[in-house]
Amino acid sequence: MSLLELSRIPLLFLAIASYLLATNRPQSAPSQEEQARSTGGKRRSLVDRAMFVLLPTGRTLATYTLLSEAVVSYARATPSTQWSNRILTFLCPEQGSATPIYITPVFVAGIALTIIGGAIRVACLRELGDLFTYELSIRDKHRLITTGPYAIVRHPSYTGIALIQVGVTICELTAGSWWTEAKVISTVVGKVTAVIWTGGSMYVFLTMLRAKKEDAMLREVFGAEWEEYARRVPRRYIPGLV
């Protein structure tokens, strides 16, 4: 395995770190009263409640898959050791050390999307501070955040998590990846993982529909201040597009 192919390993660890940092659960959860201000006393939607199951599950699956990719890459670089042979036999049962693991431009693009999405999401977490919550809520002393990523689009946090989900999917489905070359999808674990990951991906994009509800909530609370902000930052997710 060449030095270029070995470069997959630090890229994969960067992607893992990006995913984990971007999906950290906020430490400060809103009170029932703060949530009630946004829901009018109604129960949270099924989409909102599903977040507490699907995000931790997604973290686990992404970490397992990307870490396995890194371990296989390293084992392929040192195929003569007993440790490497055992790893390749376990994670690549069909071809073992002959499994073609290599780097491609598509793989790099997937990793890049994951890292960029993670950076956007972390920037949002820092900008919002204790205002960042999974639940829709109007917090005590709530304020309208219009700086950092929020000066570019109104809902950059959703943009970030969508880029992460797309990035991880791309880098695993491309030629040369462990998931593709070891035919993981043909195993029971692989099929279950694929179903859960697909559901999680659909959920990520479904939550983006919540932005309309968030806009309405902020418009009601902040009135003219929000209207001026919306005129200055008209797009929700991607500058100049949507």
C-alpha atoms as a PDB file:
ATOM      1  CA  MET A   1       0.000   0.000   0.000  1.00  0.00           C
ATOM      2  CA  SER A   2       1.376   3.399  -0.996  1.00  0.00           C
ATOM      3  CA  LEU A   3       1.791   6.495   1.133  1.00  0.00           C
ATOM      4  CA  LEU A   4      -1.148   8.001  -0.750  1.00  0.00           C
ATOM      5  CA  GLU A   5      -3.355   5.098   0.279  1.00  0.00           C
ATOM      6  CA  LEU A   6      -2.157   5.340   3.878  1.00  0.00           C
ATOM      7  CA  SER A   7      -3.352   8.945   3.874  1.00  0.00           C
ATOM      8  CA  ARG A   8      -6.868   7.513   4.121  1.00  0.00           C
ATOM      9  CA  ILE A   9      -6.285   6.844   7.824  1.00  0.00           C
ATOM     10  CA  PRO A  10      -5.837  10.438   9.123  1.00  0.00           C
ATOM     11  CA  LEU A  11      -8.664  11.565   6.826  1.00  0.00           C
ATOM     12  CA  LEU A  12     -10.957   8.955   8.347  1.00  0.00           C
ATOM     13  CA  PHE A  13     -10.072  10.004  11.884  1.00  0.00           C
ATOM     14  CA  LEU A  14     -10.778  13.623  10.963  1.00  0.00           C
ATOM     15  CA  ALA A  15     -14.184  12.548   9.676  1.00  0.00           C
ATOM     16  CA  ILE A  16     -14.900  10.619  12.889  1.00  0.00           C
ATOM     17  CA  ALA A  17     -13.944  13.619  15.027  1.00  0.00           C
ATOM     18  CA  SER A  18     -16.104  15.908  12.882  1.00  0.00           C
ATOM     19  CA  TYR A  19     -19.119  13.624  13.227  1.00  0.00           C
ATOM     20  CA  LEU A  20     -18.775  13.203  16.978  1.00  0.00           C
ATOM     21  CA  LEU A  21     -18.200  16.903  17.685  1.00  0.00           C
ATOM     22  CA  ALA A  22     -21.069  17.920  15.428  1.00  0.00           C
ATOM     23  CA  THR A  23     -23.584  15.584  17.050  1.00  0.00           C
ATOM     24  CA  ASN A  24     -22.776  16.271  20.694  1.00  0.00           C
ATOM     25  CA  ARG A  25     -26.008  16.570  22.634  1.00  0.00           C
ATOM     26  CA  PRO A  26     -26.473  20.053  24.126  1.00  0.00           C
ATOM     27  CA  GLN A  27     -25.659  20.077  27.824  1.00  0.00           C
ATOM     28  CA  SER A  28     -28.433  22.513  28.658  1.00  0.00           C
ATOM     29  CA  ALA A  29     -31.893  21.118  27.905  1.00  0.00           C
ATOM     30  CA  PRO A  30     -34.871  23.494  27.852  1.00  0.00           C
ATOM     31  CA  SER A  31     -37.451  23.305  30.621  1.00  0.00           C
ATOM     32  CA  GLN A  32     -41.034  22.194  29.982  1.00  0.00           C
ATOM     33  CA  GLU A  33     -42.100  25.826  30.205  1.00  0.00           C
ATOM     34  CA  GLU A  34     -39.533  26.899  27.588  1.00  0.00           C
ATOM     35  CA  GLN A  35     -40.698  24.137  25.247  1.00  0.00           C
ATOM     36  CA  ALA A  36     -44.340  25.024  25.799  1.00  0.00           C
ATOM     37  CA  ARG A  37     -43.692  28.550  24.504  1.00  0.00           C
ATOM     38  CA  SER A  38     -42.875  27.118  21.081  1.00  0.00           C
ATOM     39  CA  THR A  39     -45.476  24.359  20.935  1.00  0.00           C
ATOM     40  CA  GLY A  40     -48.401  26.163  22.539  1.00  0.00           C
ATOM     41  CA  GLY A  41     -48.565  23.445  25.163  1.00  0.00           C
ATOM     42  CA  LYS A  42     -48.907  20.658  22.579  1.00  0.00           C
ATOM     43  CA  ARG A  43     -46.817  17.494  22.636  1.00  0.00           C
ATOM     44  CA  ARG A  44     -43.664  17.387  20.575  1.00  0.00           C
ATOM     45  CA  SER A  45     -44.019  15.949  17.079  1.00  0.00           C
ATOM     46  CA  LEU A  46     -42.892  12.415  16.243  1.00  0.00           C
ATOM     47  CA  VAL A  47     -40.006  13.892  14.229  1.00  0.00           C
ATOM     48  CA  ASP A  48     -38.773  15.841  17.240  1.00  0.00           C
ATOM     49  CA  ARG A  49     -39.006  12.831  19.554  1.00  0.00           C
ATOM     50  CA  ALA A  50     -37.249  10.534  17.063  1.00  0.00           C
ATOM     51  CA  MET A  51     -34.173  12.766  17.253  1.00  0.00           C
ATOM     52  CA  PHE A  52     -33.237  11.363  20.660  1.00  0.00           C
ATOM     53  CA  VAL A  53     -33.025   7.842  19.221  1.00  0.00           C
ATOM     54  CA  LEU A  54     -31.726   8.394  15.696  1.00  0.00           C
ATOM     55  CA  LEU A  55     -28.893  10.824  16.413  1.00  0.00           C
ATOM     56  CA  PRO A  56     -27.127   8.599  18.977  1.00  0.00           C
ATOM     57  CA  THR A  57     -27.693   5.605  16.682  1.00  0.00           C
ATOM     58  CA  GLY A  58     -26.207   7.517  13.760  1.00  0.00           C
ATOM     59  CA  ARG A  59     -23.183   8.458  15.864  1.00  0.00           C
ATOM     60  CA  THR A  60     -22.586   4.803  16.706  1.00  0.00           C
ATOM     61  CA  LEU A  61     -22.982   3.553  13.132  1.00  0.00           C
ATOM     62  CA  ALA A  62     -20.809   6.279  11.607  1.00  0.00           C
ATOM     63  CA  THR A  63     -18.072   5.798  14.190  1.00  0.00           C
ATOM     64  CA  TYR A  64     -18.094   2.005  13.743  1.00  0.00           C
ATOM     65  CA  THR A  65     -18.026   2.198   9.944  1.00  0.00           C
ATOM     66  CA  LEU A  66     -15.341   4.880   9.637  1.00  0.00           C
ATOM     67  CA  LEU A  67     -13.203   3.300  12.356  1.00  0.00           C
ATOM     68  CA  SER A  68     -13.461  -0.103  10.661  1.00  0.00           C
ATOM     69  CA  GLU A  69     -12.390   1.588   7.430  1.00  0.00           C
ATOM     70  CA  ALA A  70      -9.302   3.001   9.167  1.00  0.00           C
ATOM     71  CA  VAL A  71      -8.433  -0.319  10.824  1.00  0.00           C
ATOM     72  CA  VAL A  72      -8.711  -2.199   7.519  1.00  0.00           C
ATOM     73  CA  SER A  73      -6.573   0.430   5.797  1.00  0.00           C
ATOM     74  CA  TYR A  74      -3.848  -0.009   8.402  1.00  0.00           C
ATOM     75  CA  ALA A  75      -4.092  -3.801   8.310  1.00  0.00           C
ATOM     76  CA  ARG A  76      -3.712  -3.723   4.528  1.00  0.00           C
ATOM     77  CA  ALA A  77      -0.538  -1.679   4.985  1.00  0.00           C
ATOM     78  CA  THR A  78       0.964  -4.373   7.259  1.00  0.00           C
ATOM     79  CA  PRO A  79      -0.432  -7.628   5.825  1.00  0.00           C
ATOM     80  CA  SER A  80       2.313  -9.896   7.135  1.00  0.00           C
ATOM     81  CA  THR A  81       1.535  -9.495  10.847  1.00  0.00           C
ATOM     82  CA  GLN A  82      -0.709 -11.900  12.742  1.00  0.00           C
ATOM     83  CA  TRP A  83      -2.817  -9.029  14.042  1.00  0.00           C
ATOM     84  CA  SER A  84      -3.468  -7.707  10.538  1.00  0.00           C
ATOM     85  CA  ASN A  85      -4.388 -11.132   9.191  1.00  0.00           C
ATOM     86  CA  ARG A  86      -6.953 -11.612  11.949  1.00  0.00           C
ATOM     87  CA  ILE A  87      -8.455  -8.169  11.371  1.00  0.00           C
ATOM     88  CA  LEU A  88      -8.721  -8.689   7.620  1.00  0.00           C
ATOM     89  CA  THR A  89     -10.205 -12.163   8.056  1.00  0.00           C
ATOM     90  CA  PHE A  90     -12.846 -10.771  10.419  1.00  0.00           C
ATOM     91  CA  LEU A  91     -13.732  -7.535   8.589  1.00  0.00           C
ATOM     92  CA  CYS A  92     -13.086  -8.752   5.029  1.00  0.00           C
ATOM     93  CA  PRO A  93     -14.154 -12.433   5.173  1.00  0.00           C
ATOM     94  CA  GLU A  94     -14.465 -12.950   1.409  1.00  0.00           C
ATOM     95  CA  GLN A  95     -11.057 -11.701   0.207  1.00  0.00           C
ATOM     96  CA  GLY A  96      -9.023 -11.054   3.347  1.00  0.00           C
ATOM     97  CA  SER A  97      -5.745  -9.274   2.593  1.00  0.00           C
ATOM     98  CA  ALA A  98      -6.624  -9.252  -1.116  1.00  0.00           C
ATOM     99  CA  THR A  99      -9.493  -6.815  -0.494  1.00  0.00           C
ATOM    100  CA  PRO A 100      -8.739  -3.767  -2.693  1.00  0.00           C
ATOM    101  CA  ILE A 101      -8.772  -0.801  -0.317  1.00  0.00           C
ATOM    102  CA  TYR A 102      -7.543   2.398  -1.948  1.00  0.00           C
ATOM    103  CA  ILE A 103      -8.104   6.148  -2.109  1.00  0.00           C
ATOM    104  CA  THR A 104     -10.164   7.839  -4.820  1.00  0.00           C
ATOM    105  CA  PRO A 105     -11.220  11.435  -5.570  1.00  0.00           C
ATOM    106  CA  VAL A 106     -14.811  10.524  -4.661  1.00  0.00           C
ATOM    107  CA  PHE A 107     -13.663   9.202  -1.271  1.00  0.00           C
ATOM    108  CA  VAL A 108     -11.747  12.437  -0.616  1.00  0.00           C
ATOM    109  CA  ALA A 109     -14.817  14.456  -1.634  1.00  0.00           C
ATOM    110  CA  GLY A 110     -16.970  12.503   0.838  1.00  0.00           C
ATOM    111  CA  ILE A 111     -14.484  13.063   3.651  1.00  0.00           C
ATOM    112  CA  ALA A 112     -14.252  16.757   2.754  1.00  0.00           C
ATOM    113  CA  LEU A 113     -18.046  17.151   2.942  1.00  0.00           C
ATOM    114  CA  THR A 114     -18.053  15.437   6.323  1.00  0.00           C
ATOM    115  CA  ILE A 115     -15.333  17.709   7.707  1.00  0.00           C
ATOM    116  CA  ILE A 116     -16.901  20.874   6.256  1.00  0.00           C
ATOM    117  CA  GLY A 117     -20.317  19.891   7.612  1.00  0.00           C
ATOM    118  CA  GLY A 118     -18.797  19.204  11.009  1.00  0.00           C
ATOM    119  CA  ALA A 119     -17.031  22.566  11.051  1.00  0.00           C
ATOM    120  CA  ILE A 120     -20.283  24.369  10.194  1.00  0.00           C
ATOM    121  CA  ARG A 121     -22.186  22.503  12.873  1.00  0.00           C
ATOM    122  CA  VAL A 122     -19.549  23.161  15.557  1.00  0.00           C
ATOM    123  CA  ALA A 123     -19.514  26.856  14.617  1.00  0.00           C
ATOM    124  CA  CYS A 124     -23.295  26.899  15.102  1.00  0.00           C
ATOM    125  CA  LEU A 125     -22.990  25.229  18.503  1.00  0.00           C
ATOM    126  CA  ARG A 126     -20.474  27.836  19.626  1.00  0.00           C
ATOM    127  CA  GLU A 127     -22.466  30.756  18.242  1.00  0.00           C
ATOM    128  CA  LEU A 128     -25.722  29.713  19.872  1.00  0.00           C
ATOM    129  CA  GLY A 129     -24.287  28.543  23.189  1.00  0.00           C
ATOM    130  CA  ASP A 130     -27.080  27.520  25.551  1.00  0.00           C
ATOM    131  CA  LEU A 131     -29.676  28.534  22.950  1.00  0.00           C
ATOM    132  CA  PHE A 132     -28.806  25.417  20.943  1.00  0.00           C
ATOM    133  CA  THR A 133     -31.264  22.654  21.836  1.00  0.00           C
ATOM    134  CA  TYR A 134     -32.694  19.590  20.120  1.00  0.00           C
ATOM    135  CA  GLU A 135     -36.171  20.617  21.193  1.00  0.00           C
ATOM    136  CA  LEU A 136     -37.992  23.589  19.728  1.00  0.00           C
ATOM    137  CA  SER A 137     -38.083  26.138  22.511  1.00  0.00           C
ATOM    138  CA  ILE A 138     -38.034  29.786  23.455  1.00  0.00           C
ATOM    139  CA  ARG A 139     -35.595  30.056  26.317  1.00  0.00           C
ATOM    140  CA  ASP A 140     -35.566  32.548  29.144  1.00  0.00           C
ATOM    141  CA  LYS A 141     -33.770  35.695  27.923  1.00  0.00           C
ATOM    142  CA  HIS A 142     -33.829  34.297  24.385  1.00  0.00           C
ATOM    143  CA  ARG A 143     -32.084  36.451  21.782  1.00  0.00           C
ATOM    144  CA  LEU A 144     -31.942  36.390  18.005  1.00  0.00           C
ATOM    145  CA  ILE A 145     -28.540  35.180  16.790  1.00  0.00           C
ATOM    146  CA  THR A 146     -27.498  36.808  13.511  1.00  0.00           C
ATOM    147  CA  THR A 147     -23.714  36.440  13.607  1.00  0.00           C
ATOM    148  CA  GLY A 148     -21.218  33.764  12.552  1.00  0.00           C
ATOM    149  CA  PRO A 149     -22.783  31.152  10.241  1.00  0.00           C
ATOM    150  CA  TYR A 150     -26.170  32.769  10.917  1.00  0.00           C
ATOM    151  CA  ALA A 151     -25.037  35.856   9.020  1.00  0.00           C
ATOM    152  CA  ILE A 152     -24.848  33.694   5.867  1.00  0.00           C
ATOM    153  CA  VAL A 153     -27.978  31.507   6.112  1.00  0.00           C
ATOM    154  CA  ARG A 154     -30.715  31.305   8.730  1.00  0.00           C
ATOM    155  CA  HIS A 155     -30.391  27.581   9.505  1.00  0.00           C
ATOM    156  CA  PRO A 156     -26.749  26.573   8.965  1.00  0.00           C
ATOM    157  CA  SER A 157     -26.948  23.833  11.602  1.00  0.00           C
ATOM    158  CA  TYR A 158     -29.215  21.809   9.312  1.00  0.00           C
ATOM    159  CA  THR A 159     -26.869  22.458   6.397  1.00  0.00           C
ATOM    160  CA  GLY A 160     -23.969  21.113   8.437  1.00  0.00           C
ATOM    161  CA  ILE A 161     -25.639  17.876   9.532  1.00  0.00           C
ATOM    162  CA  ALA A 162     -26.904  17.229   5.986  1.00  0.00           C
ATOM    163  CA  LEU A 163     -23.378  17.628   4.569  1.00  0.00           C
ATOM    164  CA  ILE A 164     -22.060  15.183   7.174  1.00  0.00           C
ATOM    165  CA  GLN A 165     -24.681  12.576   6.329  1.00  0.00           C
ATOM    166  CA  VAL A 166     -24.071  12.899   2.587  1.00  0.00           C
ATOM    167  CA  GLY A 167     -20.291  12.900   3.059  1.00  0.00           C
ATOM    168  CA  VAL A 168     -20.134   9.689   5.098  1.00  0.00           C
ATOM    169  CA  THR A 169     -22.491   7.958   2.662  1.00  0.00           C
ATOM    170  CA  ILE A 170     -20.384   8.986  -0.340  1.00  0.00           C
ATOM    171  CA  CYS A 171     -17.043   7.902   1.105  1.00  0.00           C
ATOM    172  CA  GLU A 172     -18.413   4.467   2.054  1.00  0.00           C
ATOM    173  CA  LEU A 173     -20.252   3.732  -1.193  1.00  0.00           C
ATOM    174  CA  THR A 174     -17.358   4.632  -3.490  1.00  0.00           C
ATOM    175  CA  ALA A 175     -14.972   2.103  -5.040  1.00  0.00           C
ATOM    176  CA  GLY A 176     -11.983   1.337  -2.826  1.00  0.00           C
ATOM    177  CA  SER A 177     -13.863   1.673   0.471  1.00  0.00           C
ATOM    178  CA  TRP A 178     -14.122  -1.138   3.012  1.00  0.00           C
ATOM    179  CA  TRP A 179     -17.925  -1.099   2.941  1.00  0.00           C
ATOM    180  CA  THR A 180     -17.990  -1.530  -0.854  1.00  0.00           C
ATOM    181  CA  GLU A 181     -15.004  -3.759  -1.524  1.00  0.00           C
ATOM    182  CA  ALA A 182     -15.593  -6.136   1.425  1.00  0.00           C
ATOM    183  CA  LYS A 183     -19.259  -6.422   0.373  1.00  0.00           C
ATOM    184  CA  VAL A 184     -20.442  -5.597   3.871  1.00  0.00           C
ATOM    185  CA  ILE A 185     -23.948  -4.997   2.538  1.00  0.00           C
ATOM    186  CA  SER A 186     -24.277  -8.742   1.840  1.00  0.00           C
ATOM    187  CA  THR A 187     -24.002  -9.562   5.555  1.00  0.00           C
ATOM    188  CA  VAL A 188     -26.871  -9.453   8.046  1.00  0.00           C
ATOM    189  CA  VAL A 189     -25.130  -6.739  10.061  1.00  0.00           C
ATOM    190  CA  GLY A 190     -24.512  -4.771   6.870  1.00  0.00           C
ATOM    191  CA  LYS A 191     -28.140  -4.969   5.783  1.00  0.00           C
ATOM    192  CA  VAL A 192     -29.408  -3.874   9.184  1.00  0.00           C
ATOM    193  CA  THR A 193     -26.882  -1.036   9.245  1.00  0.00           C
ATOM    194  CA  ALA A 194     -27.882   0.066   5.748  1.00  0.00           C
ATOM    195  CA  VAL A 195     -31.574   0.165   6.677  1.00  0.00           C
ATOM    196  CA  ILE A 196     -30.918   2.165   9.856  1.00  0.00           C
ATOM    197  CA  TRP A 197     -28.524   4.539   8.070  1.00  0.00           C
ATOM    198  CA  THR A 198     -31.014   5.112   5.239  1.00  0.00           C
ATOM    199  CA  GLY A 199     -33.747   5.858   7.759  1.00  0.00           C
ATOM    200  CA  GLY A 200     -31.451   8.220   9.627  1.00  0.00           C
ATOM    201  CA  SER A 201     -30.533  10.010   6.399  1.00  0.00           C
ATOM    202  CA  MET A 202     -34.185  10.465   5.497  1.00  0.00           C
ATOM    203  CA  TYR A 203     -34.813  11.761   8.994  1.00  0.00           C
ATOM    204  CA  VAL A 204     -32.003  14.345   8.706  1.00  0.00           C
ATOM    205  CA  PHE A 205     -33.589  15.843   5.625  1.00  0.00           C
ATOM    206  CA  LEU A 206     -37.060  15.592   7.138  1.00  0.00           C
ATOM    207  CA  THR A 207     -35.959  17.672  10.123  1.00  0.00           C
ATOM    208  CA  MET A 208     -34.938  20.430   7.721  1.00  0.00           C
ATOM    209  CA  LEU A 209     -38.655  20.999   7.185  1.00  0.00           C
ATOM    210  CA  ARG A 210     -38.749  22.123  10.811  1.00  0.00           C
ATOM    211  CA  ALA A 211     -36.956  25.322   9.783  1.00  0.00           C
ATOM    212  CA  LYS A 212     -40.234  26.797   8.552  1.00  0.00           C
ATOM    213  CA  LYS A 213     -41.742  26.243  11.998  1.00  0.00           C
ATOM    214  CA  GLU A 214     -38.671  27.790  13.636  1.00  0.00           C
ATOM    215  CA  ASP A 215     -38.917  30.848  11.405  1.00  0.00           C
ATOM    216  CA  ALA A 216     -42.570  31.321  12.345  1.00  0.00           C
ATOM    217  CA  MET A 217     -41.727  30.965  16.018  1.00  0.00           C
ATOM    218  CA  LEU A 218     -38.907  33.516  15.861  1.00  0.00           C
ATOM    219  CA  ARG A 219     -41.001  35.921  13.794  1.00  0.00           C
ATOM    220  CA  GLU A 220     -43.697  35.848  16.457  1.00  0.00           C
ATOM    221  CA  VAL A 221     -41.231  36.431  19.299  1.00  0.00           C
ATOM    222  CA  PHE A 222     -38.908  39.007  17.720  1.00  0.00           C
ATOM    223  CA  GLY A 223     -41.242  40.716  15.240  1.00  0.00           C
ATOM    224  CA  ALA A 224     -39.557  43.535  13.307  1.00  0.00           C
ATOM    225  CA  GLU A 225     -36.079  42.398  14.382  1.00  0.00           C
ATOM    226  CA  TRP A 226     -36.625  39.011  12.747  1.00  0.00           C
ATOM    227  CA  GLU A 227     -38.218  40.564   9.643  1.00  0.00           C
ATOM    228  CA  GLU A 228     -35.148  42.762   9.128  1.00  0.00           C
ATOM    229  CA  TYR A 229     -32.878  39.738   9.628  1.00  0.00           C
ATOM    230  CA  ALA A 230     -34.869  37.663   7.112  1.00  0.00           C
ATOM    231  CA  ARG A 231     -34.574  40.432   4.515  1.00  0.00           C
ATOM    232  CA  ARG A 232     -30.820  40.586   5.060  1.00  0.00           C
ATOM    233  CA  VAL A 233     -30.380  36.787   5.125  1.00  0.00           C
ATOM    234  CA  PRO A 234     -33.108  35.426   2.818  1.00  0.00           C
ATOM    235  CA  ARG A 235     -31.860  31.830   2.431  1.00  0.00           C
ATOM    236  CA  ARG A 236     -32.336  29.068   4.959  1.00  0.00           C
ATOM    237  CA  TYR A 237     -29.646  26.559   4.004  1.00  0.00           C
ATOM    238  CA  ILE A 238     -27.466  27.493   1.011  1.00  0.00           C
ATOM    239  CA  PRO A 239     -26.521  31.081   0.088  1.00  0.00           C
ATOM    240  CA  GLY A 240     -28.185  32.190  -3.147  1.00  0.00           C
ATOM    241  CA  LEU A 241     -30.105  28.934  -3.590  1.00  0.00           C
ATOM    242  CA  VAL A 242     -32.472  27.771  -0.893  1.00  0.00           C
END
